[in-house]
Amino acid sequence: KINSSSVARLVEFFNSLIVARQVTQGLRITIAK
């Protein structure tokens, strides 16, 4: 468990994968109520 300002870079990494569609392959799934 890490508490650090560096964690923000980890979030940025996954956000960049989403923007580049590297973690969606064009598919986005929404779970509703």
Full PDB file with SEQRES, HELIX, SHEET, SSBOND, CRYST1, ORIGX, SCALE, CONECT and MASTER records, all heavy atoms in Angstrom:
SEQRES   1 A   33  LYS ILE ASN SER SER SER VAL ALA ARG LEU VAL GLU PHE          
SEQRES   2 A   33  PHE ASN SER LEU ILE VAL ALA ARG GLN VAL THR GLN GLY          
SEQRES   3 A   33  LEU ARG ILE THR ILE ALA LYS                                  
HELIX    1 AA1 VAL A    7  VAL A   19  1                                  13    
CRYST1    1.000    1.000    1.000  90.00  90.00  90.00 P 1           1          
ORIGX1      1.000000  0.000000  0.000000        0.00000                         
ORIGX2      0.000000  1.000000  0.000000        0.00000                         
ORIGX3      0.000000  0.000000  1.000000        0.00000                         
SCALE1      1.000000  0.000000  0.000000        0.00000                         
SCALE2      0.000000  1.000000  0.000000        0.00000                         
SCALE3      0.000000  0.000000  1.000000        0.00000                         
ATOM      1  N   LYS A   1       0.863  -1.175   0.000  1.00  0.00           N  
ATOM      2  CA  LYS A   1       0.000   0.000   0.000  1.00  0.00           C  
ATOM      3  C   LYS A   1       0.898   1.223   0.000  1.00  0.00           C  
ATOM      4  O   LYS A   1       1.741   1.390   0.875  1.00  0.00           O  
ATOM      5  CB  LYS A   1      -0.901   0.005   1.242  1.00  0.00           C  
ATOM      6  CG  LYS A   1      -1.769   1.259   1.356  1.00  0.00           C  
ATOM      7  CD  LYS A   1      -2.486   1.304   2.699  1.00  0.00           C  
ATOM      8  CE  LYS A   1      -3.227   2.611   2.884  1.00  0.00           C  
ATOM      9  NZ  LYS A   1      -3.817   2.726   4.247  1.00  0.00           N  
ATOM     10  N   ILE A   2       0.715   2.065  -0.997  1.00  0.00           N  
ATOM     11  CA  ILE A   2       1.590   3.229  -1.186  1.00  0.00           C  
ATOM     12  C   ILE A   2       0.754   4.494  -1.087  1.00  0.00           C  
ATOM     13  O   ILE A   2      -0.261   4.640  -1.780  1.00  0.00           O  
ATOM     14  CB  ILE A   2       2.279   3.185  -2.567  1.00  0.00           C  
ATOM     15  CG1 ILE A   2       3.015   1.860  -2.749  1.00  0.00           C  
ATOM     16  CG2 ILE A   2       3.224   4.363  -2.739  1.00  0.00           C  
ATOM     17  CD1 ILE A   2       3.414   1.583  -4.181  1.00  0.00           C  
ATOM     18  N   ASN A   3       1.166   5.408  -0.240  1.00  0.00           N  
ATOM     19  CA  ASN A   3       0.548   6.733  -0.159  1.00  0.00           C  
ATOM     20  C   ASN A   3       1.579   7.734  -0.645  1.00  0.00           C  
ATOM     21  O   ASN A   3       2.568   7.992   0.043  1.00  0.00           O  
ATOM     22  CB  ASN A   3       0.129   7.033   1.284  1.00  0.00           C  
ATOM     23  CG  ASN A   3      -0.759   8.262   1.367  1.00  0.00           C  
ATOM     24  OD1 ASN A   3      -0.468   9.275   0.754  1.00  0.00           O  
ATOM     25  ND2 ASN A   3      -1.826   8.182   2.132  1.00  0.00           N  
ATOM     26  N   SER A   4       1.380   8.286  -1.830  1.00  0.00           N  
ATOM     27  CA  SER A   4       2.398   9.136  -2.441  1.00  0.00           C  
ATOM     28  C   SER A   4       1.791   9.943  -3.583  1.00  0.00           C  
ATOM     29  O   SER A   4       0.838   9.501  -4.234  1.00  0.00           O  
ATOM     30  CB  SER A   4       3.541   8.266  -2.984  1.00  0.00           C  
ATOM     31  OG  SER A   4       4.431   9.024  -3.789  1.00  0.00           O  
ATOM     32  N   SER A   5       2.371  11.103  -3.826  1.00  0.00           N  
ATOM     33  CA  SER A   5       1.948  11.897  -4.981  1.00  0.00           C  
ATOM     34  C   SER A   5       2.280  11.165  -6.285  1.00  0.00           C  
ATOM     35  O   SER A   5       1.691  11.441  -7.331  1.00  0.00           O  
ATOM     36  CB  SER A   5       2.629  13.268  -4.959  1.00  0.00           C  
ATOM     37  OG  SER A   5       4.043  13.124  -4.965  1.00  0.00           O  
ATOM     38  N   SER A   6       3.216  10.216  -6.234  1.00  0.00           N  
ATOM     39  CA  SER A   6       3.580   9.452  -7.426  1.00  0.00           C  
ATOM     40  C   SER A   6       2.440   8.565  -7.911  1.00  0.00           C  
ATOM     41  O   SER A   6       2.422   8.151  -9.068  1.00  0.00           O  
ATOM     42  CB  SER A   6       4.802   8.570  -7.136  1.00  0.00           C  
ATOM     43  OG  SER A   6       5.920   9.356  -6.789  1.00  0.00           O  
ATOM     44  N   VAL A   7       1.474   8.269  -7.028  1.00  0.00           N  
ATOM     45  CA  VAL A   7       0.341   7.432  -7.413  1.00  0.00           C  
ATOM     46  C   VAL A   7      -0.462   8.091  -8.542  1.00  0.00           C  
ATOM     47  O   VAL A   7      -1.058   7.407  -9.373  1.00  0.00           O  
ATOM     48  CB  VAL A   7      -0.555   7.145  -6.190  1.00  0.00           C  
ATOM     49  CG1 VAL A   7      -1.853   6.460  -6.590  1.00  0.00           C  
ATOM     50  CG2 VAL A   7       0.207   6.284  -5.181  1.00  0.00           C  
ATOM     51  N   ALA A   8      -0.453   9.417  -8.578  1.00  0.00           N  
ATOM     52  CA  ALA A   8      -1.180  10.126  -9.635  1.00  0.00           C  
ATOM     53  C   ALA A   8      -0.671   9.725 -11.013  1.00  0.00           C  
ATOM     54  O   ALA A   8      -1.437   9.694 -11.988  1.00  0.00           O  
ATOM     55  CB  ALA A   8      -1.051  11.638  -9.447  1.00  0.00           C  
ATOM     56  N   ARG A   9       0.617   9.389 -11.117  1.00  0.00           N  
ATOM     57  CA  ARG A   9       1.176   8.969 -12.400  1.00  0.00           C  
ATOM     58  C   ARG A   9       0.621   7.609 -12.805  1.00  0.00           C  
ATOM     59  O   ARG A   9       0.488   7.303 -13.991  1.00  0.00           O  
ATOM     60  CB  ARG A   9       2.705   8.915 -12.320  1.00  0.00           C  
ATOM     61  CG  ARG A   9       3.360  10.211 -11.906  1.00  0.00           C  
ATOM     62  CD  ARG A   9       3.093  11.336 -12.907  1.00  0.00           C  
ATOM     63  NE  ARG A   9       3.607  11.028 -14.228  1.00  0.00           N  
ATOM     64  CZ  ARG A   9       4.867  11.193 -14.597  1.00  0.00           C  
ATOM     65  NH1 ARG A   9       5.750  11.654 -13.737  1.00  0.00           N  
ATOM     66  NH2 ARG A   9       5.256  10.895 -15.816  1.00  0.00           N  
ATOM     67  N   LEU A  10       0.317   6.785 -11.810  1.00  0.00           N  
ATOM     68  CA  LEU A  10      -0.284   5.472 -12.079  1.00  0.00           C  
ATOM     69  C   LEU A  10      -1.680   5.638 -12.671  1.00  0.00           C  
ATOM     70  O   LEU A  10      -2.057   4.967 -13.640  1.00  0.00           O  
ATOM     71  CB  LEU A  10      -0.344   4.671 -10.778  1.00  0.00           C  
ATOM     72  CG  LEU A  10      -0.745   3.200 -10.838  1.00  0.00           C  
ATOM     73  CD1 LEU A  10       0.210   2.416 -11.729  1.00  0.00           C  
ATOM     74  CD2 LEU A  10      -0.751   2.615  -9.433  1.00  0.00           C  
ATOM     75  N   VAL A  11      -2.460   6.553 -12.100  1.00  0.00           N  
ATOM     76  CA  VAL A  11      -3.793   6.839 -12.626  1.00  0.00           C  
ATOM     77  C   VAL A  11      -3.690   7.406 -14.037  1.00  0.00           C  
ATOM     78  O   VAL A  11      -4.455   7.039 -14.934  1.00  0.00           O  
ATOM     79  CB  VAL A  11      -4.541   7.828 -11.712  1.00  0.00           C  
ATOM     80  CG1 VAL A  11      -5.899   8.186 -12.299  1.00  0.00           C  
ATOM     81  CG2 VAL A  11      -4.721   7.236 -10.318  1.00  0.00           C  
ATOM     82  N   GLU A  12      -2.717   8.289 -14.227  1.00  0.00           N  
ATOM     83  CA  GLU A  12      -2.516   8.883 -15.559  1.00  0.00           C  
ATOM     84  C   GLU A  12      -2.213   7.800 -16.592  1.00  0.00           C  
ATOM     85  O   GLU A  12      -2.687   7.855 -17.733  1.00  0.00           O  
ATOM     86  CB  GLU A  12      -1.368   9.888 -15.509  1.00  0.00           C  
ATOM     87  CG  GLU A  12      -1.079  10.551 -16.848  1.00  0.00           C  
ATOM     88  CD  GLU A  12       0.155  11.431 -16.807  1.00  0.00           C  
ATOM     89  OE1 GLU A  12       0.605  11.777 -15.696  1.00  0.00           O  
ATOM     90  OE2 GLU A  12       0.664  11.766 -17.886  1.00  0.00           O  
ATOM     91  N   PHE A  13      -1.438   6.793 -16.192  1.00  0.00           N  
ATOM     92  CA  PHE A  13      -1.100   5.705 -17.109  1.00  0.00           C  
ATOM     93  C   PHE A  13      -2.362   4.985 -17.586  1.00  0.00           C  
ATOM     94  O   PHE A  13      -2.549   4.760 -18.786  1.00  0.00           O  
ATOM     95  CB  PHE A  13      -0.151   4.725 -16.426  1.00  0.00           C  
ATOM     96  CG  PHE A  13       0.045   3.444 -17.182  1.00  0.00           C  
ATOM     97  CD1 PHE A  13       0.771   3.414 -18.359  1.00  0.00           C  
ATOM     98  CD2 PHE A  13      -0.510   2.256 -16.718  1.00  0.00           C  
ATOM     99  CE1 PHE A  13       0.944   2.233 -19.066  1.00  0.00           C  
ATOM    100  CE2 PHE A  13      -0.341   1.070 -17.413  1.00  0.00           C  
ATOM    101  CZ  PHE A  13       0.387   1.059 -18.590  1.00  0.00           C  
ATOM    102  N   PHE A  14      -3.241   4.623 -16.657  1.00  0.00           N  
ATOM    103  CA  PHE A  14      -4.450   3.902 -17.051  1.00  0.00           C  
ATOM    104  C   PHE A  14      -5.417   4.803 -17.817  1.00  0.00           C  
ATOM    105  O   PHE A  14      -6.112   4.333 -18.733  1.00  0.00           O  
ATOM    106  CB  PHE A  14      -5.113   3.264 -15.831  1.00  0.00           C  
ATOM    107  CG  PHE A  14      -4.439   1.991 -15.417  1.00  0.00           C  
ATOM    108  CD1 PHE A  14      -3.518   1.985 -14.381  1.00  0.00           C  
ATOM    109  CD2 PHE A  14      -4.680   0.808 -16.092  1.00  0.00           C  
ATOM    110  CE1 PHE A  14      -2.863   0.815 -14.014  1.00  0.00           C  
ATOM    111  CE2 PHE A  14      -4.032  -0.368 -15.744  1.00  0.00           C  
ATOM    112  CZ  PHE A  14      -3.118  -0.356 -14.696  1.00  0.00           C  
ATOM    113  N   ASN A  15      -5.458   6.082 -17.471  1.00  0.00           N  
ATOM    114  CA  ASN A  15      -6.290   7.005 -18.250  1.00  0.00           C  
ATOM    115  C   ASN A  15      -5.785   7.116 -19.679  1.00  0.00           C  
ATOM    116  O   ASN A  15      -6.571   7.204 -20.636  1.00  0.00           O  
ATOM    117  CB  ASN A  15      -6.310   8.385 -17.599  1.00  0.00           C  
ATOM    118  CG  ASN A  15      -7.206   8.440 -16.376  1.00  0.00           C  
ATOM    119  OD1 ASN A  15      -8.104   7.627 -16.220  1.00  0.00           O  
ATOM    120  ND2 ASN A  15      -6.966   9.399 -15.498  1.00  0.00           N  
ATOM    121  N   SER A  16      -4.466   7.091 -19.844  1.00  0.00           N  
ATOM    122  CA  SER A  16      -3.909   7.165 -21.206  1.00  0.00           C  
ATOM    123  C   SER A  16      -4.246   5.898 -21.998  1.00  0.00           C  
ATOM    124  O   SER A  16      -4.466   5.955 -23.207  1.00  0.00           O  
ATOM    125  CB  SER A  16      -2.391   7.376 -21.148  1.00  0.00           C  
ATOM    126  OG  SER A  16      -1.721   6.227 -20.658  1.00  0.00           O  
ATOM    127  N   LEU A  17      -4.319   4.744 -21.313  1.00  0.00           N  
ATOM    128  CA  LEU A  17      -4.717   3.513 -21.995  1.00  0.00           C  
ATOM    129  C   LEU A  17      -6.170   3.589 -22.460  1.00  0.00           C  
ATOM    130  O   LEU A  17      -6.521   3.092 -23.531  1.00  0.00           O  
ATOM    131  CB  LEU A  17      -4.540   2.308 -21.069  1.00  0.00           C  
ATOM    132  CG  LEU A  17      -3.105   1.935 -20.670  1.00  0.00           C  
ATOM    133  CD1 LEU A  17      -3.114   0.685 -19.811  1.00  0.00           C  
ATOM    134  CD2 LEU A  17      -2.225   1.733 -21.893  1.00  0.00           C  
ATOM    135  N   ILE A  18      -7.010   4.221 -21.629  1.00  0.00           N  
ATOM    136  CA  ILE A  18      -8.416   4.391 -22.003  1.00  0.00           C  
ATOM    137  C   ILE A  18      -8.531   5.314 -23.207  1.00  0.00           C  
ATOM    138  O   ILE A  18      -9.238   5.021 -24.185  1.00  0.00           O  
ATOM    139  CB  ILE A  18      -9.237   4.935 -20.817  1.00  0.00           C  
ATOM    140  CG1 ILE A  18      -9.338   3.876 -19.716  1.00  0.00           C  
ATOM    141  CG2 ILE A  18     -10.630   5.359 -21.273  1.00  0.00           C  
ATOM    142  CD1 ILE A  18      -9.978   4.376 -18.439  1.00  0.00           C  
ATOM    143  N   VAL A  19      -7.825   6.436 -23.157  1.00  0.00           N  
ATOM    144  CA  VAL A  19      -7.874   7.395 -24.263  1.00  0.00           C  
ATOM    145  C   VAL A  19      -7.390   6.747 -25.555  1.00  0.00           C  
ATOM    146  O   VAL A  19      -7.964   6.948 -26.630  1.00  0.00           O  
ATOM    147  CB  VAL A  19      -7.018   8.642 -23.929  1.00  0.00           C  
ATOM    148  CG1 VAL A  19      -6.873   9.535 -25.161  1.00  0.00           C  
ATOM    149  CG2 VAL A  19      -7.656   9.428 -22.786  1.00  0.00           C  
ATOM    150  N   ALA A  20      -6.338   5.935 -25.450  1.00  0.00           N  
ATOM    151  CA  ALA A  20      -5.778   5.276 -26.634  1.00  0.00           C  
ATOM    152  C   ALA A  20      -6.524   3.996 -27.011  1.00  0.00           C  
ATOM    153  O   ALA A  20      -6.156   3.322 -27.958  1.00  0.00           O  
ATOM    154  CB  ALA A  20      -4.300   4.939 -26.385  1.00  0.00           C  
ATOM    155  N   ARG A  21      -7.582   3.667 -26.234  1.00  0.00           N  
ATOM    156  CA  ARG A  21      -8.388   2.468 -26.457  1.00  0.00           C  
ATOM    157  C   ARG A  21      -7.583   1.179 -26.351  1.00  0.00           C  
ATOM    158  O   ARG A  21      -7.930   0.153 -26.944  1.00  0.00           O  
ATOM    159  CB  ARG A  21      -9.108   2.531 -27.816  1.00  0.00           C  
ATOM    160  CG  ARG A  21     -10.110   3.684 -27.906  1.00  0.00           C  
ATOM    161  CD  ARG A  21     -10.712   3.749 -29.286  1.00  0.00           C  
ATOM    162  NE  ARG A  21     -11.676   4.854 -29.371  1.00  0.00           N  
ATOM    163  CZ  ARG A  21     -12.977   4.697 -29.499  1.00  0.00           C  
ATOM    164  NH1 ARG A  21     -13.490   3.491 -29.567  1.00  0.00           N  
ATOM    165  NH2 ARG A  21     -13.779   5.746 -29.563  1.00  0.00           N  
ATOM    166  N   GLN A  22      -6.533   1.216 -25.571  1.00  0.00           N  
ATOM    167  CA  GLN A  22      -5.729   0.018 -25.392  1.00  0.00           C  
ATOM    168  C   GLN A  22      -6.356  -0.933 -24.383  1.00  0.00           C  
ATOM    169  O   GLN A  22      -5.987  -2.099 -24.324  1.00  0.00           O  
ATOM    170  CB  GLN A  22      -4.319   0.401 -24.921  1.00  0.00           C  
ATOM    171  CG  GLN A  22      -3.517   1.150 -25.956  1.00  0.00           C  
ATOM    172  CD  GLN A  22      -3.335   0.334 -27.225  1.00  0.00           C  
ATOM    173  OE1 GLN A  22      -2.786  -0.760 -27.190  1.00  0.00           O  
ATOM    174  NE2 GLN A  22      -3.785   0.860 -28.348  1.00  0.00           N  
ATOM    175  N   VAL A  23      -7.276  -0.447 -23.556  1.00  0.00           N  
ATOM    176  CA  VAL A  23      -7.941  -1.315 -22.593  1.00  0.00           C  
ATOM    177  C   VAL A  23      -9.419  -1.451 -22.907  1.00  0.00           C  
ATOM    178  O   VAL A  23     -10.202  -1.873 -22.084  1.00  0.00           O  
ATOM    179  CB  VAL A  23      -7.764  -0.816 -21.145  1.00  0.00           C  
ATOM    180  CG1 VAL A  23      -6.326  -0.893 -20.727  1.00  0.00           C  
ATOM    181  CG2 VAL A  23      -8.319   0.591 -20.984  1.00  0.00           C  
ATOM    182  N   THR A  24      -9.831  -1.055 -24.103  1.00  0.00           N  
ATOM    183  CA  THR A  24     -11.236  -1.196 -24.465  1.00  0.00           C  
ATOM    184  C   THR A  24     -11.409  -1.956 -25.765  1.00  0.00           C  
ATOM    185  O   THR A  24     -12.427  -2.598 -25.966  1.00  0.00           O  
ATOM    186  CB  THR A  24     -11.909   0.185 -24.633  1.00  0.00           C  
ATOM    187  OG1 THR A  24     -11.279   0.875 -25.703  1.00  0.00           O  
ATOM    188  CG2 THR A  24     -11.812   0.997 -23.364  1.00  0.00           C  
ATOM    189  N   GLN A  25     -10.442  -1.858 -26.647  1.00  0.00           N  
ATOM    190  CA  GLN A  25     -10.561  -2.458 -27.971  1.00  0.00           C  
ATOM    191  C   GLN A  25     -11.894  -2.088 -28.614  1.00  0.00           C  
ATOM    192  O   GLN A  25     -12.540  -2.876 -29.271  1.00  0.00           O  
ATOM    193  CB  GLN A  25     -10.433  -3.992 -27.882  1.00  0.00           C  
ATOM    194  CG  GLN A  25      -9.085  -4.446 -27.376  1.00  0.00           C  
ATOM    195  CD  GLN A  25      -7.964  -4.092 -28.325  1.00  0.00           C  
ATOM    196  OE1 GLN A  25      -8.005  -4.410 -29.494  1.00  0.00           O  
ATOM    197  NE2 GLN A  25      -6.947  -3.424 -27.830  1.00  0.00           N  
ATOM    198  N   GLY A  26     -12.353  -0.853 -28.362  1.00  0.00           N  
ATOM    199  CA  GLY A  26     -13.621  -0.386 -28.921  1.00  0.00           C  
ATOM    200  C   GLY A  26     -14.834  -0.783 -28.123  1.00  0.00           C  
ATOM    201  O   GLY A  26     -15.936  -0.381 -28.438  1.00  0.00           O  
ATOM    202  N   LEU A  27     -14.668  -1.595 -27.067  1.00  0.00           N  
ATOM    203  CA  LEU A  27     -15.816  -2.062 -26.297  1.00  0.00           C  
ATOM    204  C   LEU A  27     -15.832  -1.399 -24.936  1.00  0.00           C  
ATOM    205  O   LEU A  27     -14.882  -1.484 -24.176  1.00  0.00           O  
ATOM    206  CB  LEU A  27     -15.753  -3.580 -26.116  1.00  0.00           C  
ATOM    207  CG  LEU A  27     -16.878  -4.206 -25.276  1.00  0.00           C  
ATOM    208  CD1 LEU A  27     -18.218  -4.035 -25.983  1.00  0.00           C  
ATOM    209  CD2 LEU A  27     -16.604  -5.675 -25.031  1.00  0.00           C  
ATOM    210  N   ARG A  28     -16.925  -0.737 -24.617  1.00  0.00           N  
ATOM    211  CA  ARG A  28     -17.103  -0.164 -23.297  1.00  0.00           C  
ATOM    212  C   ARG A  28     -18.357  -0.778 -22.695  1.00  0.00           C  
ATOM    213  O   ARG A  28     -19.384  -0.864 -23.350  1.00  0.00           O  
ATOM    214  CB  ARG A  28     -17.233   1.357 -23.368  1.00  0.00           C  
ATOM    215  CG  ARG A  28     -17.480   1.986 -22.000  1.00  0.00           C  
ATOM    216  CD  ARG A  28     -17.511   3.489 -22.097  1.00  0.00           C  
ATOM    217  NE  ARG A  28     -17.904   4.065 -20.823  1.00  0.00           N  
ATOM    218  CZ  ARG A  28     -17.993   5.367 -20.599  1.00  0.00           C  
ATOM    219  NH1 ARG A  28     -17.713   6.213 -21.562  1.00  0.00           N  
ATOM    220  NH2 ARG A  28     -18.361   5.826 -19.424  1.00  0.00           N  
ATOM    221  N   ILE A  29     -18.272  -1.208 -21.458  1.00  0.00           N  
ATOM    222  CA  ILE A  29     -19.358  -1.923 -20.818  1.00  0.00           C  
ATOM    223  C   ILE A  29     -19.865  -1.115 -19.634  1.00  0.00           C  
ATOM    224  O   ILE A  29     -19.091  -0.698 -18.791  1.00  0.00           O  
ATOM    225  CB  ILE A  29     -18.893  -3.311 -20.335  1.00  0.00           C  
ATOM    226  CG1 ILE A  29     -18.275  -4.073 -21.494  1.00  0.00           C  
ATOM    227  CG2 ILE A  29     -20.032  -4.087 -19.712  1.00  0.00           C  
ATOM    228  CD1 ILE A  29     -17.325  -5.131 -21.078  1.00  0.00           C  
ATOM    229  N   THR A  30     -21.155  -0.866 -19.569  1.00  0.00           N  
ATOM    230  CA  THR A  30     -21.743  -0.131 -18.468  1.00  0.00           C  
ATOM    231  C   THR A  30     -22.717  -1.018 -17.731  1.00  0.00           C  
ATOM    232  O   THR A  30     -23.585  -1.634 -18.341  1.00  0.00           O  
ATOM    233  CB  THR A  30     -22.478   1.131 -18.972  1.00  0.00           C  
ATOM    234  OG1 THR A  30     -21.546   1.956 -19.653  1.00  0.00           O  
ATOM    235  CG2 THR A  30     -23.090   1.898 -17.801  1.00  0.00           C  
ATOM    236  N   ILE A  31     -22.567  -1.099 -16.429  1.00  0.00           N  
ATOM    237  CA  ILE A  31     -23.484  -1.865 -15.602  1.00  0.00           C  
ATOM    238  C   ILE A  31     -24.435  -0.877 -14.944  1.00  0.00           C  
ATOM    239  O   ILE A  31     -24.023  -0.009 -14.200  1.00  0.00           O  
ATOM    240  CB  ILE A  31     -22.728  -2.665 -14.538  1.00  0.00           C  
ATOM    241  CG1 ILE A  31     -21.727  -3.592 -15.209  1.00  0.00           C  
ATOM    242  CG2 ILE A  31     -23.694  -3.454 -13.664  1.00  0.00           C  
ATOM    243  CD1 ILE A  31     -20.794  -4.244 -14.248  1.00  0.00           C  
ATOM    244  N   ALA A  32     -25.715  -0.995 -15.214  1.00  0.00           N  
ATOM    245  CA  ALA A  32     -26.690  -0.050 -14.687  1.00  0.00           C  
ATOM    246  C   ALA A  32     -27.491  -0.698 -13.562  1.00  0.00           C  
ATOM    247  O   ALA A  32     -27.325  -1.873 -13.239  1.00  0.00           O  
ATOM    248  CB  ALA A  32     -27.625   0.418 -15.803  1.00  0.00           C  
ATOM    249  N   LYS A  33     -28.380   0.067 -12.967  1.00  0.00           N  
ATOM    250  CA  LYS A  33     -29.145  -0.424 -11.823  1.00  0.00           C  
ATOM    251  C   LYS A  33     -30.045  -1.597 -12.222  1.00  0.00           C  
ATOM    252  O   LYS A  33     -30.356  -1.800 -13.373  1.00  0.00           O  
ATOM    253  CB  LYS A  33     -29.985   0.711 -11.228  1.00  0.00           C  
ATOM    254  CG  LYS A  33     -31.008   1.324 -12.190  1.00  0.00           C  
ATOM    255  CD  LYS A  33     -31.696   2.478 -11.524  1.00  0.00           C  
ATOM    256  CE  LYS A  33     -32.709   3.132 -12.466  1.00  0.00           C  
ATOM    257  NZ  LYS A  33     -33.406   4.246 -11.834  1.00  0.00           N  
TER     258      LYS A  33                                                      
MASTER        0    0    0    1    0    0    0    6  257    1    0    3          
END                                                                             
